[in-house]
Amino acid sequence: MTAITRVFSSVLNILLICALLAIPAHAASMKQAKKAIAENNIEGAINELLPLANSGNSAANNMLGELYLNGTGVSQDTAQAKIYFEAGARTGHLDSLKNLNIILDTEYKQELLVVRPAAEGGDSQAQTRLGRMYEFGYGQNASPKDAFIWYNKAAAQDNLAGAMNLARAYNFGIGVAQDLIKAEAGYLAAAQRGHVDSMFFLGTMHFAQLSQAGNDADRQAYAWLRLASDNGHAAATAMVTRLKIKLNDQLTTADALYKEFKQAYDN
């Protein structure tokens, strides 16, 4: 065995030993936490769980959330439980997602008690929100047709968010037959008044070659998406980067169009 081989072998052995030492310590903490809960030693369980949760362990975050949600050995605190469940849910932890959805469903049902009467009373902002709640099934069964109805009511009152959602309904066929021409017209009208999400969706229609812009679609996409990016839209920023490469020698004219739109429409 050469000197280099011996060194390499030693390094591998050290790494293996470190890994073997680390795994039992991690497992022991979760095991001790469960044991402490079984013995009603909640303070001990929390002491075991907190370092794991702070390091991103999803199961530990979920377990802490359940303690606070149920008030097990601690003051019941739904808001604190939600924070822990959200941390677990961000990693795709199924139990955390399930527990978070229980809290959210309760919150949405309470929200509906306020939103629905306001929407029925003619409040355009509430109408837009109720449309979203129908579209995504927040606190009630999803109903694309009802979502479209409420977006239409809000848009009729000149609510820009409602107009954008109505255009999106036509764009994706949400509760209505898909109509890309109506979608583009709706996005454009709201984008020209400075509505950032409308700028983004209009830009994506151009980007996907689904608009009426024809050969000018990429330039139009760049201008609108860059305006959205200027206003903090992260997804638009990523698409602008791709378009800069795609446009190549057309980038100068695309920049000119962006400046023209910015002067006329930017809020």
C-alpha atoms as a PDB file:
ATOM      1  CA  MET A   1       0.000   0.000   0.000  1.00  0.00           C
ATOM      2  CA  THR A   2       1.429   3.368  -1.038  1.00  0.00           C
ATOM      3  CA  ALA A   3       1.624   6.362   1.300  1.00  0.00           C
ATOM      4  CA  ILE A   4      -1.100   8.144  -0.675  1.00  0.00           C
ATOM      5  CA  THR A   5      -3.358   5.083  -0.471  1.00  0.00           C
ATOM      6  CA  ARG A   6      -2.788   4.826   3.294  1.00  0.00           C
ATOM      7  CA  VAL A   7      -3.678   8.511   3.783  1.00  0.00           C
ATOM      8  CA  PHE A   8      -6.786   8.180   1.646  1.00  0.00           C
ATOM      9  CA  SER A   9      -7.829   5.058   3.573  1.00  0.00           C
ATOM     10  CA  SER A  10      -7.302   6.850   6.891  1.00  0.00           C
ATOM     11  CA  VAL A  11      -9.423   9.811   5.794  1.00  0.00           C
ATOM     12  CA  LEU A  12     -12.244   7.491   4.732  1.00  0.00           C
ATOM     13  CA  ASN A  13     -12.101   5.693   8.063  1.00  0.00           C
ATOM     14  CA  ILE A  14     -12.276   8.981   9.968  1.00  0.00           C
ATOM     15  CA  LEU A  15     -15.276  10.129   7.899  1.00  0.00           C
ATOM     16  CA  LEU A  16     -17.023   6.807   8.461  1.00  0.00           C
ATOM     17  CA  ILE A  17     -16.463   6.986  12.221  1.00  0.00           C
ATOM     18  CA  CYS A  18     -17.809  10.567  12.305  1.00  0.00           C
ATOM     19  CA  ALA A  19     -20.887   9.528  10.366  1.00  0.00           C
ATOM     20  CA  LEU A  20     -21.542   6.581  12.647  1.00  0.00           C
ATOM     21  CA  LEU A  21     -21.162   8.806  15.709  1.00  0.00           C
ATOM     22  CA  ALA A  22     -23.460  11.471  14.305  1.00  0.00           C
ATOM     23  CA  ILE A  23     -26.356   9.183  13.373  1.00  0.00           C
ATOM     24  CA  PRO A  24     -26.934   7.663  16.851  1.00  0.00           C
ATOM     25  CA  ALA A  25     -26.790  11.114  18.463  1.00  0.00           C
ATOM     26  CA  HIS A  26     -29.500  12.402  16.131  1.00  0.00           C
ATOM     27  CA  ALA A  27     -31.647   9.308  16.577  1.00  0.00           C
ATOM     28  CA  ALA A  28     -31.153   9.328  20.334  1.00  0.00           C
ATOM     29  CA  SER A  29     -32.483  12.895  20.564  1.00  0.00           C
ATOM     30  CA  MET A  30     -35.732  12.003  18.783  1.00  0.00           C
ATOM     31  CA  LYS A  31     -35.978   8.783  20.773  1.00  0.00           C
ATOM     32  CA  GLN A  32     -35.414  10.632  24.041  1.00  0.00           C
ATOM     33  CA  ALA A  33     -37.970  13.262  23.081  1.00  0.00           C
ATOM     34  CA  LYS A  34     -40.649  10.626  22.446  1.00  0.00           C
ATOM     35  CA  LYS A  35     -39.724   8.876  25.696  1.00  0.00           C
ATOM     36  CA  ALA A  36     -39.970  12.164  27.594  1.00  0.00           C
ATOM     37  CA  ILE A  37     -43.420  12.867  26.149  1.00  0.00           C
ATOM     38  CA  ALA A  38     -44.571   9.365  27.086  1.00  0.00           C
ATOM     39  CA  GLU A  39     -43.389  10.076  30.639  1.00  0.00           C
ATOM     40  CA  ASN A  40     -45.145  13.465  30.592  1.00  0.00           C
ATOM     41  CA  ASN A  41     -41.769  15.202  30.859  1.00  0.00           C
ATOM     42  CA  ILE A  42     -42.608  17.912  28.341  1.00  0.00           C
ATOM     43  CA  GLU A  43     -39.787  20.233  29.388  1.00  0.00           C
ATOM     44  CA  GLY A  44     -37.295  17.436  28.733  1.00  0.00           C
ATOM     45  CA  ALA A  45     -38.905  16.680  25.379  1.00  0.00           C
ATOM     46  CA  ILE A  46     -38.705  20.317  24.306  1.00  0.00           C
ATOM     47  CA  ASN A  47     -35.035  20.455  25.315  1.00  0.00           C
ATOM     48  CA  GLU A  48     -34.395  17.493  23.027  1.00  0.00           C
ATOM     49  CA  LEU A  49     -36.528  18.792  20.156  1.00  0.00           C
ATOM     50  CA  LEU A  50     -35.499  22.447  19.952  1.00  0.00           C
ATOM     51  CA  PRO A  51     -31.896  21.877  18.735  1.00  0.00           C
ATOM     52  CA  LEU A  52     -33.173  19.450  16.112  1.00  0.00           C
ATOM     53  CA  ALA A  53     -35.941  21.806  14.978  1.00  0.00           C
ATOM     54  CA  ASN A  54     -33.490  24.716  14.767  1.00  0.00           C
ATOM     55  CA  SER A  55     -31.247  22.576  12.554  1.00  0.00           C
ATOM     56  CA  GLY A  56     -34.159  21.926  10.174  1.00  0.00           C
ATOM     57  CA  ASN A  57     -35.383  18.521  11.357  1.00  0.00           C
ATOM     58  CA  SER A  58     -38.956  18.262  10.037  1.00  0.00           C
ATOM     59  CA  ALA A  59     -40.135  15.589  12.461  1.00  0.00           C
ATOM     60  CA  ALA A  60     -38.926  17.673  15.411  1.00  0.00           C
ATOM     61  CA  ASN A  61     -40.704  20.766  14.081  1.00  0.00           C
ATOM     62  CA  ASN A  62     -43.898  18.758  13.667  1.00  0.00           C
ATOM     63  CA  MET A  63     -43.664  17.287  17.146  1.00  0.00           C
ATOM     64  CA  LEU A  64     -43.158  20.729  18.693  1.00  0.00           C
ATOM     65  CA  GLY A  65     -46.098  22.028  16.671  1.00  0.00           C
ATOM     66  CA  GLU A  66     -48.333  19.271  18.004  1.00  0.00           C
ATOM     67  CA  LEU A  67     -47.338  20.095  21.590  1.00  0.00           C
ATOM     68  CA  TYR A  68     -48.376  23.729  21.138  1.00  0.00           C
ATOM     69  CA  LEU A  69     -51.473  22.938  19.066  1.00  0.00           C
ATOM     70  CA  ASN A  70     -52.809  20.554  21.708  1.00  0.00           C
ATOM     71  CA  GLY A  71     -51.473  22.466  24.717  1.00  0.00           C
ATOM     72  CA  THR A  72     -49.561  19.403  25.906  1.00  0.00           C
ATOM     73  CA  GLY A  73     -47.466  20.554  28.850  1.00  0.00           C
ATOM     74  CA  VAL A  74     -47.348  24.098  27.411  1.00  0.00           C
ATOM     75  CA  SER A  75     -49.846  26.915  26.973  1.00  0.00           C
ATOM     76  CA  GLN A  76     -51.979  26.195  23.932  1.00  0.00           C
ATOM     77  CA  ASP A  77     -50.691  28.454  21.143  1.00  0.00           C
ATOM     78  CA  THR A  78     -52.031  27.875  17.629  1.00  0.00           C
ATOM     79  CA  ALA A  79     -49.885  30.659  16.179  1.00  0.00           C
ATOM     80  CA  GLN A  80     -46.690  29.073  17.526  1.00  0.00           C
ATOM     81  CA  ALA A  81     -47.829  25.637  16.360  1.00  0.00           C
ATOM     82  CA  LYS A  82     -48.404  27.060  12.885  1.00  0.00           C
ATOM     83  CA  ILE A  83     -44.823  28.367  12.761  1.00  0.00           C
ATOM     84  CA  TYR A  84     -43.444  24.909  13.547  1.00  0.00           C
ATOM     85  CA  PHE A  85     -45.767  23.170  11.071  1.00  0.00           C
ATOM     86  CA  GLU A  86     -44.806  25.668   8.353  1.00  0.00           C
ATOM     87  CA  ALA A  87     -41.128  24.888   8.954  1.00  0.00           C
ATOM     88  CA  GLY A  88     -41.809  21.178   8.528  1.00  0.00           C
ATOM     89  CA  ALA A  89     -44.107  21.702   5.564  1.00  0.00           C
ATOM     90  CA  ARG A  90     -41.434  23.627   3.661  1.00  0.00           C
ATOM     91  CA  THR A  91     -39.464  20.374   3.402  1.00  0.00           C
ATOM     92  CA  GLY A  92     -42.504  18.388   2.266  1.00  0.00           C
ATOM     93  CA  HIS A  93     -42.984  16.613   5.609  1.00  0.00           C
ATOM     94  CA  LEU A  94     -46.408  14.976   5.257  1.00  0.00           C
ATOM     95  CA  ASP A  95     -47.520  15.150   8.891  1.00  0.00           C
ATOM     96  CA  SER A  96     -46.507  18.819   9.052  1.00  0.00           C
ATOM     97  CA  LEU A  97     -48.490  19.536   5.877  1.00  0.00           C
ATOM     98  CA  LYS A  98     -51.519  17.712   7.273  1.00  0.00           C
ATOM     99  CA  ASN A  99     -51.401  19.608  10.576  1.00  0.00           C
ATOM    100  CA  LEU A 100     -50.827  22.930   8.833  1.00  0.00           C
ATOM    101  CA  ASN A 101     -53.842  22.323   6.583  1.00  0.00           C
ATOM    102  CA  ILE A 102     -56.018  21.686   9.645  1.00  0.00           C
ATOM    103  CA  ILE A 103     -55.085  25.111  11.017  1.00  0.00           C
ATOM    104  CA  LEU A 104     -55.464  26.837   7.649  1.00  0.00           C
ATOM    105  CA  ASP A 105     -58.865  25.282   7.019  1.00  0.00           C
ATOM    106  CA  THR A 106     -60.114  26.622  10.355  1.00  0.00           C
ATOM    107  CA  GLU A 107     -58.708  30.067   9.535  1.00  0.00           C
ATOM    108  CA  TYR A 108     -60.311  30.077   6.077  1.00  0.00           C
ATOM    109  CA  LYS A 109     -63.710  29.119   7.471  1.00  0.00           C
ATOM    110  CA  GLN A 110     -63.505  31.990   9.941  1.00  0.00           C
ATOM    111  CA  GLU A 111     -62.409  34.321   7.137  1.00  0.00           C
ATOM    112  CA  LEU A 112     -65.409  33.292   5.037  1.00  0.00           C
ATOM    113  CA  LEU A 113     -67.743  34.524   7.760  1.00  0.00           C
ATOM    114  CA  VAL A 114     -66.448  38.027   7.039  1.00  0.00           C
ATOM    115  CA  VAL A 115     -65.588  37.836   3.337  1.00  0.00           C
ATOM    116  CA  ARG A 116     -68.822  36.369   2.017  1.00  0.00           C
ATOM    117  CA  PRO A 117     -71.192  39.008   3.459  1.00  0.00           C
ATOM    118  CA  ALA A 118     -68.841  41.784   2.329  1.00  0.00           C
ATOM    119  CA  ALA A 119     -68.673  40.337  -1.193  1.00  0.00           C
ATOM    120  CA  GLU A 120     -72.445  39.938  -1.351  1.00  0.00           C
ATOM    121  CA  GLY A 121     -72.724  43.544  -0.173  1.00  0.00           C
ATOM    122  CA  GLY A 122     -70.707  44.742  -3.166  1.00  0.00           C
ATOM    123  CA  ASP A 123     -67.167  45.106  -1.774  1.00  0.00           C
ATOM    124  CA  SER A 124     -64.932  44.462  -4.821  1.00  0.00           C
ATOM    125  CA  GLN A 125     -61.885  43.485  -2.770  1.00  0.00           C
ATOM    126  CA  ALA A 126     -63.959  40.910  -0.878  1.00  0.00           C
ATOM    127  CA  GLN A 127     -65.392  39.685  -4.198  1.00  0.00           C
ATOM    128  CA  THR A 128     -61.889  39.066  -5.502  1.00  0.00           C
ATOM    129  CA  ARG A 129     -60.913  37.256  -2.323  1.00  0.00           C
ATOM    130  CA  LEU A 130     -64.065  35.130  -2.371  1.00  0.00           C
ATOM    131  CA  GLY A 131     -63.268  34.205  -5.968  1.00  0.00           C
ATOM    132  CA  ARG A 132     -59.820  33.001  -4.901  1.00  0.00           C
ATOM    133  CA  MET A 133     -61.315  31.046  -2.035  1.00  0.00           C
ATOM    134  CA  TYR A 134     -63.712  29.317  -4.421  1.00  0.00           C
ATOM    135  CA  GLU A 135     -60.966  28.665  -6.956  1.00  0.00           C
ATOM    136  CA  PHE A 136     -58.578  27.014  -4.506  1.00  0.00           C
ATOM    137  CA  GLY A 137     -61.117  25.502  -2.106  1.00  0.00           C
ATOM    138  CA  TYR A 138     -60.167  27.646   0.886  1.00  0.00           C
ATOM    139  CA  GLY A 139     -62.571  26.821   3.717  1.00  0.00           C
ATOM    140  CA  GLN A 140     -65.134  25.360   1.306  1.00  0.00           C
ATOM    141  CA  ASN A 141     -65.374  23.051  -1.692  1.00  0.00           C
ATOM    142  CA  ALA A 142     -63.570  24.373  -4.756  1.00  0.00           C
ATOM    143  CA  SER A 143     -65.882  25.757  -7.438  1.00  0.00           C
ATOM    144  CA  PRO A 144     -64.246  27.216 -10.560  1.00  0.00           C
ATOM    145  CA  LYS A 145     -67.632  28.446 -11.835  1.00  0.00           C
ATOM    146  CA  ASP A 146     -68.275  30.417  -8.640  1.00  0.00           C
ATOM    147  CA  ALA A 147     -64.707  31.738  -8.758  1.00  0.00           C
ATOM    148  CA  PHE A 148     -65.340  33.098 -12.254  1.00  0.00           C
ATOM    149  CA  ILE A 149     -68.617  34.718 -11.164  1.00  0.00           C
ATOM    150  CA  TRP A 150     -66.960  36.608  -8.318  1.00  0.00           C
ATOM    151  CA  TYR A 151     -63.928  37.644 -10.389  1.00  0.00           C
ATOM    152  CA  ASN A 152     -66.356  39.001 -12.979  1.00  0.00           C
ATOM    153  CA  LYS A 153     -68.243  40.995 -10.334  1.00  0.00           C
ATOM    154  CA  ALA A 154     -65.008  42.494  -8.964  1.00  0.00           C
ATOM    155  CA  ALA A 155     -63.676  43.354 -12.420  1.00  0.00           C
ATOM    156  CA  ALA A 156     -66.981  45.065 -13.279  1.00  0.00           C
ATOM    157  CA  GLN A 157     -66.265  47.419 -10.376  1.00  0.00           C
ATOM    158  CA  ASP A 158     -62.834  48.286 -11.779  1.00  0.00           C
ATOM    159  CA  ASN A 159     -60.930  46.233  -9.199  1.00  0.00           C
ATOM    160  CA  LEU A 160     -57.521  45.566 -10.793  1.00  0.00           C
ATOM    161  CA  ALA A 161     -56.872  42.347  -8.883  1.00  0.00           C
ATOM    162  CA  GLY A 162     -60.319  41.142  -9.896  1.00  0.00           C
ATOM    163  CA  ALA A 163     -59.612  42.082 -13.519  1.00  0.00           C
ATOM    164  CA  MET A 164     -56.324  40.185 -13.441  1.00  0.00           C
ATOM    165  CA  ASN A 165     -58.005  37.099 -11.989  1.00  0.00           C
ATOM    166  CA  LEU A 166     -60.789  37.327 -14.573  1.00  0.00           C
ATOM    167  CA  ALA A 167     -58.146  37.432 -17.313  1.00  0.00           C
ATOM    168  CA  ARG A 168     -56.403  34.477 -15.665  1.00  0.00           C
ATOM    169  CA  ALA A 169     -59.708  32.577 -15.666  1.00  0.00           C
ATOM    170  CA  TYR A 170     -59.947  33.099 -19.438  1.00  0.00           C
ATOM    171  CA  ASN A 171     -56.255  32.257 -19.778  1.00  0.00           C
ATOM    172  CA  PHE A 172     -56.520  28.862 -18.072  1.00  0.00           C
ATOM    173  CA  GLY A 173     -60.214  28.056 -18.524  1.00  0.00           C
ATOM    174  CA  ILE A 174     -61.154  28.469 -14.844  1.00  0.00           C
ATOM    175  CA  GLY A 175     -64.934  28.201 -14.668  1.00  0.00           C
ATOM    176  CA  VAL A 176     -65.268  29.399 -18.264  1.00  0.00           C
ATOM    177  CA  ALA A 177     -64.199  28.292 -21.726  1.00  0.00           C
ATOM    178  CA  GLN A 178     -60.573  29.201 -22.400  1.00  0.00           C
ATOM    179  CA  ASP A 179     -60.269  32.407 -24.422  1.00  0.00           C
ATOM    180  CA  LEU A 180     -56.697  33.619 -24.921  1.00  0.00           C
ATOM    181  CA  ILE A 181     -57.763  36.792 -26.718  1.00  0.00           C
ATOM    182  CA  LYS A 182     -59.908  37.911 -23.765  1.00  0.00           C
ATOM    183  CA  ALA A 183     -57.135  36.871 -21.384  1.00  0.00           C
ATOM    184  CA  GLU A 184     -54.526  38.973 -23.178  1.00  0.00           C
ATOM    185  CA  ALA A 185     -56.845  41.983 -23.395  1.00  0.00           C
ATOM    186  CA  GLY A 186     -57.643  41.732 -19.680  1.00  0.00           C
ATOM    187  CA  TYR A 187     -54.007  41.462 -18.640  1.00  0.00           C
ATOM    188  CA  LEU A 188     -53.030  44.352 -20.912  1.00  0.00           C
ATOM    189  CA  ALA A 189     -55.689  46.701 -19.542  1.00  0.00           C
ATOM    190  CA  ALA A 190     -54.610  46.063 -15.936  1.00  0.00           C
ATOM    191  CA  ALA A 191     -50.875  46.063 -16.776  1.00  0.00           C
ATOM    192  CA  GLN A 192     -51.175  49.460 -18.438  1.00  0.00           C
ATOM    193  CA  ARG A 193     -52.492  50.760 -15.130  1.00  0.00           C
ATOM    194  CA  GLY A 194     -49.478  49.439 -13.242  1.00  0.00           C
ATOM    195  CA  HIS A 195     -50.789  46.108 -11.910  1.00  0.00           C
ATOM    196  CA  VAL A 196     -47.649  44.032 -11.415  1.00  0.00           C
ATOM    197  CA  ASP A 197     -49.159  40.523 -11.553  1.00  0.00           C
ATOM    198  CA  SER A 198     -50.935  41.487 -14.776  1.00  0.00           C
ATOM    199  CA  MET A 199     -47.580  42.587 -16.227  1.00  0.00           C
ATOM    200  CA  PHE A 200     -46.188  39.179 -15.295  1.00  0.00           C
ATOM    201  CA  PHE A 201     -49.031  37.112 -16.754  1.00  0.00           C
ATOM    202  CA  LEU A 202     -49.097  39.225 -19.917  1.00  0.00           C
ATOM    203  CA  GLY A 203     -45.355  38.692 -20.248  1.00  0.00           C
ATOM    204  CA  THR A 204     -45.747  34.935 -19.815  1.00  0.00           C
ATOM    205  CA  MET A 205     -48.372  34.825 -22.577  1.00  0.00           C
ATOM    206  CA  HIS A 206     -45.924  36.542 -24.927  1.00  0.00           C
ATOM    207  CA  PHE A 207     -43.113  34.295 -23.666  1.00  0.00           C
ATOM    208  CA  ALA A 208     -45.150  31.151 -24.422  1.00  0.00           C
ATOM    209  CA  GLN A 209     -46.116  32.465 -27.870  1.00  0.00           C
ATOM    210  CA  LEU A 210     -49.803  32.450 -26.862  1.00  0.00           C
ATOM    211  CA  SER A 211     -50.440  36.139 -27.518  1.00  0.00           C
ATOM    212  CA  GLN A 212     -51.363  38.123 -30.607  1.00  0.00           C
ATOM    213  CA  ALA A 213     -47.866  39.647 -30.809  1.00  0.00           C
ATOM    214  CA  GLY A 214     -46.593  37.234 -33.468  1.00  0.00           C
ATOM    215  CA  ASN A 215     -42.926  37.756 -34.316  1.00  0.00           C
ATOM    216  CA  ASP A 216     -42.675  40.528 -31.704  1.00  0.00           C
ATOM    217  CA  ALA A 217     -43.671  38.205 -28.824  1.00  0.00           C
ATOM    218  CA  ASP A 218     -40.196  37.863 -27.288  1.00  0.00           C
ATOM    219  CA  ARG A 219     -39.617  41.612 -27.262  1.00  0.00           C
ATOM    220  CA  GLN A 220     -43.056  42.193 -25.725  1.00  0.00           C
ATOM    221  CA  ALA A 221     -42.397  39.463 -23.158  1.00  0.00           C
ATOM    222  CA  TYR A 222     -39.076  41.031 -22.195  1.00  0.00           C
ATOM    223  CA  ALA A 223     -40.566  44.515 -21.748  1.00  0.00           C
ATOM    224  CA  TRP A 224     -43.495  43.429 -19.579  1.00  0.00           C
ATOM    225  CA  LEU A 225     -41.545  40.892 -17.534  1.00  0.00           C
ATOM    226  CA  ARG A 226     -38.788  43.405 -16.871  1.00  0.00           C
ATOM    227  CA  LEU A 227     -41.389  45.889 -15.601  1.00  0.00           C
ATOM    228  CA  ALA A 228     -42.739  43.193 -13.284  1.00  0.00           C
ATOM    229  CA  SER A 229     -39.191  42.371 -12.202  1.00  0.00           C
ATOM    230  CA  ASP A 230     -38.562  46.038 -11.405  1.00  0.00           C
ATOM    231  CA  ASN A 231     -41.499  45.802  -9.017  1.00  0.00           C
ATOM    232  CA  GLY A 232     -40.097  42.810  -7.155  1.00  0.00           C
ATOM    233  CA  HIS A 233     -41.621  39.869  -9.038  1.00  0.00           C
ATOM    234  CA  ALA A 234     -39.027  37.102  -8.571  1.00  0.00           C
ATOM    235  CA  ALA A 235     -40.400  34.728 -11.228  1.00  0.00           C
ATOM    236  CA  ALA A 236     -40.352  37.562 -13.770  1.00  0.00           C
ATOM    237  CA  THR A 237     -36.691  38.236 -12.938  1.00  0.00           C
ATOM    238  CA  ALA A 238     -35.744  34.652 -13.771  1.00  0.00           C
ATOM    239  CA  MET A 239     -37.604  34.818 -17.095  1.00  0.00           C
ATOM    240  CA  VAL A 240     -35.943  38.131 -18.023  1.00  0.00           C
ATOM    241  CA  THR A 241     -32.549  36.460 -17.603  1.00  0.00           C
ATOM    242  CA  ARG A 242     -33.555  33.733 -20.066  1.00  0.00           C
ATOM    243  CA  LEU A 243     -34.951  36.253 -22.527  1.00  0.00           C
ATOM    244  CA  LYS A 244     -31.742  38.287 -22.541  1.00  0.00           C
ATOM    245  CA  ILE A 245     -29.974  35.223 -23.911  1.00  0.00           C
ATOM    246  CA  LYS A 246     -32.748  34.368 -26.346  1.00  0.00           C
ATOM    247  CA  LEU A 247     -33.107  37.890 -27.762  1.00  0.00           C
ATOM    248  CA  ASN A 248     -29.409  38.222 -28.534  1.00  0.00           C
ATOM    249  CA  ASP A 249     -29.079  40.951 -31.198  1.00  0.00           C
ATOM    250  CA  GLN A 250     -32.688  42.077 -30.581  1.00  0.00           C
ATOM    251  CA  LEU A 251     -31.915  43.003 -26.981  1.00  0.00           C
ATOM    252  CA  THR A 252     -31.258  46.654 -27.852  1.00  0.00           C
ATOM    253  CA  THR A 253     -34.720  47.095 -29.367  1.00  0.00           C
ATOM    254  CA  ALA A 254     -36.246  45.105 -26.486  1.00  0.00           C
ATOM    255  CA  ASP A 255     -34.627  47.491 -24.014  1.00  0.00           C
ATOM    256  CA  ALA A 256     -36.037  50.422 -25.972  1.00  0.00           C
ATOM    257  CA  LEU A 257     -39.542  48.939 -25.771  1.00  0.00           C
ATOM    258  CA  TYR A 258     -39.112  48.324 -22.043  1.00  0.00           C
ATOM    259  CA  LYS A 259     -38.153  51.984 -21.503  1.00  0.00           C
ATOM    260  CA  GLU A 260     -41.142  53.101 -23.550  1.00  0.00           C
ATOM    261  CA  PHE A 261     -43.488  50.959 -21.452  1.00  0.00           C
ATOM    262  CA  LYS A 262     -41.826  52.044 -18.229  1.00  0.00           C
ATOM    263  CA  GLN A 263     -42.364  55.700 -19.001  1.00  0.00           C
ATOM    264  CA  ALA A 264     -46.014  55.130 -19.896  1.00  0.00           C
ATOM    265  CA  TYR A 265     -47.157  52.461 -17.444  1.00  0.00           C
ATOM    266  CA  ASP A 266     -44.795  51.904 -14.531  1.00  0.00           C
ATOM    267  CA  ASN A 267     -46.367  52.719 -11.172  1.00  0.00           C
END
